[in-house]
Amino acid sequence: MLALLRDASMAPGKLTMPISRKTLNEPSGELVEIDFYFGKLSSADAIELVTKHCLDNGGECSNRIYASQFDGARAASFEGVYSDEITQIEVTDDDLLAHFADENKRIVRVPIQDALGISRESSDVITFSGISAAASQSDSHPVAIVAEGWVFSTPGYSQEAAKAGKKCYRRFVDYCRRLRPDYAAILNEDSLPCCHDLKQGRGKDCFLDFFVNPDVYGEKLVTELEGMYADSYLERSSEGLYISTIAPYNPKKRSIARKEARARSAVVAKLLANR
């Protein structure tokens, strides 16, 4: 599938890899992110897929990306972004996809303006969530789009938080429908675990605003989740189910008590781990 995407991006008359001519500031401080887990893709293919989709839908890449470079790096196992030495690589419109395809490079950080679209003062960053050493031998890394999220917790910025939450919701649901991850979530100061690590008890608080793919988990589980979250925001499509328990991340501004939301999140983590 990724080879086809590369070929399509190089078609005559189509510029799908817009590169900024300036160096973009990266997010700092309190963060918000949307994370995706693709159980059937390698980590390298997953970050390439998400990056290309962002660029094809209005994102603009910085003139630099970050990678670990050594023989066989693309396919080598790793736990976190900084498990191996990282170098900065200057990129152009013509060579970005070539870097992703290079078997001796593991692309780990891609700054992109408007990937999530919350802040115009800094880029967003596409990167990996860390996984355990055991998981790195058999599972792939979730991919995260990370952005500045201080507006969600700073007093006096309720209007800005509502606007940012609306953008998060729209981008998240659109990306999930188009990319079809196994599961995905909107997170504040947290990271989505891979399936192997879910089985080890991680991710209990990660499923407050999340997506589940029925093609992976089946209609029975999706229907069970709809019943469990009848008092929350539900958005069902042919591609999957989005559930939201926090007001900024759904158009109806529905929310449930945080303690209850976290208790249900722990149940969801167990259900998704036992596929």
Protein backbone atom coordinates (compact mmCIF):
# COMPACT_ATOMS: atom_id res chain seq x y z
CA MET A 1 0.00 0.00 0.00
CA LEU A 2 2.80 2.45 0.84
CA ALA A 3 4.49 1.82 -2.51
CA LEU A 4 1.27 2.80 -4.25
CA LEU A 5 1.07 5.98 -2.19
CA ARG A 6 4.60 6.91 -3.18
CA ASP A 7 3.83 6.34 -6.85
CA ALA A 8 0.65 8.41 -6.66
CA SER A 9 2.45 11.33 -5.05
CA MET A 10 4.90 11.47 -7.93
CA ALA A 11 2.20 11.60 -10.63
CA PRO A 12 2.62 14.41 -13.20
CA GLY A 13 0.91 17.65 -12.25
CA LYS A 14 0.43 16.67 -8.58
CA LEU A 15 2.42 18.27 -5.78
CA THR A 16 1.52 16.39 -2.62
CA MET A 17 4.66 17.03 -0.57
CA PRO A 18 4.61 20.78 0.25
CA ILE A 19 7.80 21.81 2.07
CA SER A 20 8.09 25.04 4.02
CA ARG A 21 11.08 27.22 3.17
CA LYS A 22 11.38 28.24 6.81
CA THR A 23 12.28 26.42 10.01
CA LEU A 24 9.14 26.02 12.11
CA ASN A 25 9.07 26.26 15.90
CA GLU A 26 7.98 23.00 17.53
CA PRO A 27 5.35 22.67 20.29
CA SER A 28 6.43 23.00 23.90
CA GLY A 29 4.84 23.10 27.34
CA GLU A 30 1.52 21.34 27.82
CA LEU A 31 0.68 19.15 24.84
CA VAL A 32 -2.33 17.58 23.17
CA GLU A 33 -2.01 14.75 20.70
CA ILE A 34 -4.00 12.42 18.51
CA ASP A 35 -2.55 8.90 18.42
CA PHE A 36 -3.19 6.04 16.01
CA TYR A 37 -2.36 2.33 16.27
CA PHE A 38 -2.08 0.25 13.09
CA GLY A 39 -1.62 -3.39 14.02
CA LYS A 40 -0.91 -4.60 10.48
CA LEU A 41 1.63 -1.92 9.53
CA SER A 42 5.25 -1.67 10.51
CA SER A 43 6.21 1.40 12.52
CA ALA A 44 8.00 2.87 9.50
CA ASP A 45 5.03 2.35 7.20
CA ALA A 46 2.64 3.79 9.80
CA ILE A 47 4.50 7.09 10.26
CA GLU A 48 4.90 7.42 6.50
CA LEU A 49 1.17 6.85 5.99
CA VAL A 50 0.14 9.45 8.57
CA THR A 51 2.69 12.00 7.33
CA LYS A 52 1.63 11.68 3.72
CA HIS A 53 -2.04 11.99 4.62
CA CYS A 54 -1.36 15.18 6.59
CA LEU A 55 0.57 16.69 3.69
CA ASP A 56 -2.06 15.67 1.15
CA ASN A 57 -4.71 17.44 3.26
CA GLY A 58 -3.26 20.90 3.78
CA GLY A 59 -0.25 20.31 6.01
CA GLU A 60 3.12 21.88 5.22
CA CYS A 61 6.30 20.08 6.21
CA SER A 62 9.21 21.94 7.77
CA ASN A 63 12.47 22.00 5.84
CA ARG A 64 13.86 19.44 8.24
CA ILE A 65 13.00 16.01 9.62
CA TYR A 66 14.74 13.83 12.20
CA ALA A 67 15.97 10.27 11.79
CA SER A 68 18.20 7.55 13.17
CA GLN A 69 20.60 6.42 10.47
CA PHE A 70 22.41 3.08 10.39
CA ASP A 71 22.34 -0.13 8.35
CA GLY A 72 18.81 -1.55 8.38
CA ALA A 73 17.43 1.27 10.54
CA ARG A 74 14.00 1.37 8.90
CA ALA A 75 13.13 -2.18 9.94
CA ALA A 76 15.16 -2.40 13.16
CA SER A 77 13.32 -2.75 16.46
CA PHE A 78 13.35 0.12 18.97
CA GLU A 79 11.53 1.22 22.11
CA GLY A 80 11.43 5.02 21.88
CA VAL A 81 12.22 7.88 19.54
CA TYR A 82 15.57 8.44 21.26
CA SER A 83 16.61 4.79 21.54
CA ASP A 84 19.25 5.47 18.87
CA GLU A 85 21.13 8.63 17.94
CA ILE A 86 19.03 11.11 15.95
CA THR A 87 20.26 13.44 13.22
CA GLN A 88 18.56 16.37 11.54
CA ILE A 89 18.01 16.04 7.79
CA GLU A 90 17.27 18.91 5.42
CA VAL A 91 14.45 18.00 3.01
CA THR A 92 12.95 19.33 -0.23
CA ASP A 93 9.75 18.72 -2.17
CA ASP A 94 11.50 16.11 -4.28
CA ASP A 95 13.25 13.96 -1.70
CA LEU A 96 10.96 13.66 1.32
CA LEU A 97 9.42 10.34 0.31
CA ALA A 98 12.84 8.99 -0.64
CA HIS A 99 13.95 9.49 2.97
CA PHE A 100 10.94 7.51 4.21
CA ALA A 101 11.76 4.68 1.79
CA ASP A 102 15.46 4.53 2.69
CA GLU A 103 16.14 1.19 4.40
CA ASN A 104 18.97 2.76 6.40
CA LYS A 105 16.87 5.54 7.95
CA ARG A 106 14.23 5.45 10.67
CA ILE A 107 12.23 8.69 10.42
CA VAL A 108 11.15 9.55 13.98
CA ARG A 109 10.04 13.22 14.00
CA VAL A 110 8.35 15.22 11.24
CA PRO A 111 7.40 18.85 12.02
CA ILE A 112 4.31 19.81 10.00
CA GLN A 113 2.38 23.07 10.05
CA ASP A 114 -1.39 22.51 10.37
CA ALA A 115 -1.32 18.73 10.82
CA LEU A 116 -3.69 19.23 13.76
CA GLY A 117 -4.30 22.92 13.17
CA ILE A 118 -4.55 24.26 16.73
CA SER A 119 -1.66 26.72 16.75
CA ARG A 120 -0.31 29.01 14.05
CA GLU A 121 2.65 29.94 16.25
CA SER A 122 4.29 26.52 16.07
CA SER A 123 4.31 23.43 13.92
CA ASP A 124 2.76 20.17 14.98
CA VAL A 125 5.00 17.11 15.14
CA ILE A 126 4.35 13.61 13.81
CA THR A 127 6.29 11.09 15.86
CA PHE A 128 6.08 7.73 17.63
CA SER A 129 4.69 6.77 21.01
CA GLY A 130 7.16 4.71 23.00
CA ILE A 131 6.57 1.00 23.58
CA SER A 132 8.10 -1.57 25.91
CA ALA A 133 11.21 -3.56 25.08
CA ALA A 134 9.15 -6.74 24.79
CA ALA A 135 6.62 -5.07 22.49
CA SER A 136 9.38 -3.74 20.23
CA GLN A 137 10.18 -7.32 19.21
CA SER A 138 6.73 -8.11 17.87
CA ASP A 139 4.49 -5.04 17.71
CA SER A 140 4.51 -1.64 16.00
CA HIS A 141 4.55 1.85 17.49
CA PRO A 142 1.45 4.02 17.63
CA VAL A 143 1.92 7.23 15.64
CA ALA A 144 1.21 10.56 17.35
CA ILE A 145 0.43 14.02 15.98
CA VAL A 146 1.53 16.33 18.80
CA ALA A 147 0.52 19.98 19.21
CA GLU A 148 0.53 22.71 21.85
CA GLY A 149 -2.36 22.17 24.25
CA TRP A 150 -2.01 24.87 26.91
CA VAL A 151 -5.33 26.50 25.96
CA PHE A 152 -7.23 23.52 27.41
CA SER A 153 -6.04 24.15 30.97
CA THR A 154 -5.26 27.88 31.13
CA PRO A 155 -7.88 30.05 32.92
CA GLY A 156 -9.39 32.75 30.75
CA TYR A 157 -9.03 30.86 27.48
CA SER A 158 -12.33 28.98 27.38
CA GLN A 159 -13.27 30.30 23.93
CA GLU A 160 -9.86 29.38 22.54
CA ALA A 161 -10.12 25.93 24.15
CA ALA A 162 -13.55 25.36 22.58
CA LYS A 163 -12.22 26.35 19.16
CA ALA A 164 -9.12 24.18 19.52
CA GLY A 165 -11.18 21.23 20.75
CA LYS A 166 -13.45 21.52 17.74
CA LYS A 167 -10.43 21.39 15.42
CA CYS A 168 -9.04 18.37 17.28
CA TYR A 169 -12.35 16.57 17.00
CA ARG A 170 -12.77 17.28 13.28
CA ARG A 171 -9.21 16.31 12.34
CA PHE A 172 -9.24 13.23 14.53
CA VAL A 173 -12.50 11.83 13.15
CA ASP A 174 -11.48 12.63 9.57
CA TYR A 175 -8.07 10.98 9.96
CA CYS A 176 -9.60 7.89 11.57
CA ARG A 177 -12.14 7.48 8.78
CA ARG A 178 -9.52 7.87 6.08
CA LEU A 179 -6.62 5.98 7.64
CA ARG A 180 -8.63 3.25 9.42
CA PRO A 181 -6.39 2.56 12.44
CA ASP A 182 -7.22 -0.37 14.71
CA TYR A 183 -7.85 2.12 17.50
CA ALA A 184 -6.96 5.74 18.18
CA ALA A 185 -7.40 8.42 20.85
CA ILE A 186 -7.21 12.13 21.64
CA LEU A 187 -4.85 12.56 24.58
CA ASN A 188 -3.59 15.29 26.91
CA GLU A 189 -0.13 14.65 28.34
CA ASP A 190 -0.37 10.91 27.69
CA SER A 191 0.52 8.44 24.92
CA LEU A 192 -1.39 5.56 23.38
CA PRO A 193 0.05 2.06 23.99
CA CYS A 194 0.42 -0.59 21.31
CA CYS A 195 -1.73 -3.72 21.61
CA HIS A 196 1.06 -5.76 23.25
CA ASP A 197 1.39 -3.17 26.02
CA LEU A 198 -2.38 -2.96 26.47
CA LYS A 199 -2.23 -6.65 27.32
CA GLN A 200 0.32 -5.81 30.04
CA GLY A 201 -2.08 -3.37 31.69
CA ARG A 202 -0.91 -0.07 30.17
CA GLY A 203 -3.23 2.60 28.78
CA LYS A 204 -5.94 2.47 31.44
CA ASP A 205 -6.55 6.23 31.18
CA CYS A 206 -6.13 6.58 27.42
CA PHE A 207 -9.67 5.92 26.24
CA LEU A 208 -11.63 9.03 27.18
CA ASP A 209 -12.08 10.24 23.58
CA PHE A 210 -11.34 7.41 21.18
CA PHE A 211 -12.02 5.52 17.95
CA VAL A 212 -12.46 1.78 17.39
CA ASN A 213 -12.38 0.02 14.02
CA PRO A 214 -15.13 -2.64 13.68
CA ASP A 215 -13.24 -4.38 10.87
CA VAL A 216 -10.58 -5.23 13.45
CA TYR A 217 -12.67 -5.70 16.60
CA GLY A 218 -16.02 -6.80 15.20
CA GLU A 219 -19.54 -5.44 15.41
CA LYS A 220 -20.24 -7.21 18.69
CA LEU A 221 -17.62 -5.19 20.57
CA VAL A 222 -18.64 -1.93 18.89
CA THR A 223 -22.26 -2.52 19.88
CA GLU A 224 -21.14 -3.28 23.44
CA LEU A 225 -19.26 0.04 23.54
CA GLU A 226 -22.29 1.92 22.24
CA GLY A 227 -24.32 0.55 25.14
CA MET A 228 -21.59 1.30 27.67
CA TYR A 229 -21.39 4.92 26.49
CA ALA A 230 -25.07 5.66 25.88
CA ASP A 231 -24.71 8.80 28.04
CA SER A 232 -21.67 10.07 26.10
CA TYR A 233 -21.14 11.46 22.61
CA LEU A 234 -21.28 8.69 19.99
CA GLU A 235 -20.52 9.07 16.30
CA ARG A 236 -20.89 5.94 14.19
CA SER A 237 -19.84 5.60 10.57
CA SER A 238 -19.09 2.70 8.26
CA GLU A 239 -15.41 3.14 9.15
CA GLY A 240 -15.80 2.92 12.91
CA LEU A 241 -17.08 4.36 16.17
CA TYR A 242 -15.95 7.58 17.85
CA ILE A 243 -16.73 7.98 21.54
CA SER A 244 -16.16 11.21 23.48
CA THR A 245 -16.52 11.82 27.21
CA ILE A 246 -14.90 15.29 27.35
CA ALA A 247 -16.90 18.31 26.17
CA PRO A 248 -14.27 20.13 24.03
CA TYR A 249 -13.81 17.08 21.82
CA ASN A 250 -17.35 16.61 20.56
CA PRO A 251 -19.85 18.94 18.83
CA LYS A 252 -22.63 18.29 21.37
CA LYS A 253 -20.36 19.33 24.28
CA ARG A 254 -21.28 16.18 26.15
CA SER A 255 -19.20 14.98 29.08
CA ILE A 256 -19.39 12.56 31.97
CA ALA A 257 -17.74 12.68 35.39
CA ARG A 258 -13.97 12.24 35.02
CA LYS A 259 -13.81 9.45 37.62
CA GLU A 260 -16.48 7.49 35.74
CA ALA A 261 -14.80 8.19 32.40
CA ARG A 262 -11.49 6.83 33.68
CA ALA A 263 -13.15 3.73 35.11
CA ARG A 264 -14.72 2.99 31.74
CA SER A 265 -11.44 3.73 29.99
CA ALA A 266 -9.78 0.94 31.97
CA VAL A 267 -12.50 -1.45 30.83
CA VAL A 268 -12.04 -0.39 27.19
CA ALA A 269 -8.28 -0.95 27.45
CA LYS A 270 -8.91 -4.55 28.55
CA LEU A 271 -11.48 -5.13 25.80
CA LEU A 272 -9.14 -3.86 23.08
CA ALA A 273 -6.24 -5.89 24.48
CA ASN A 274 -8.21 -9.13 24.26
CA ARG A 275 -9.04 -9.03 20.55
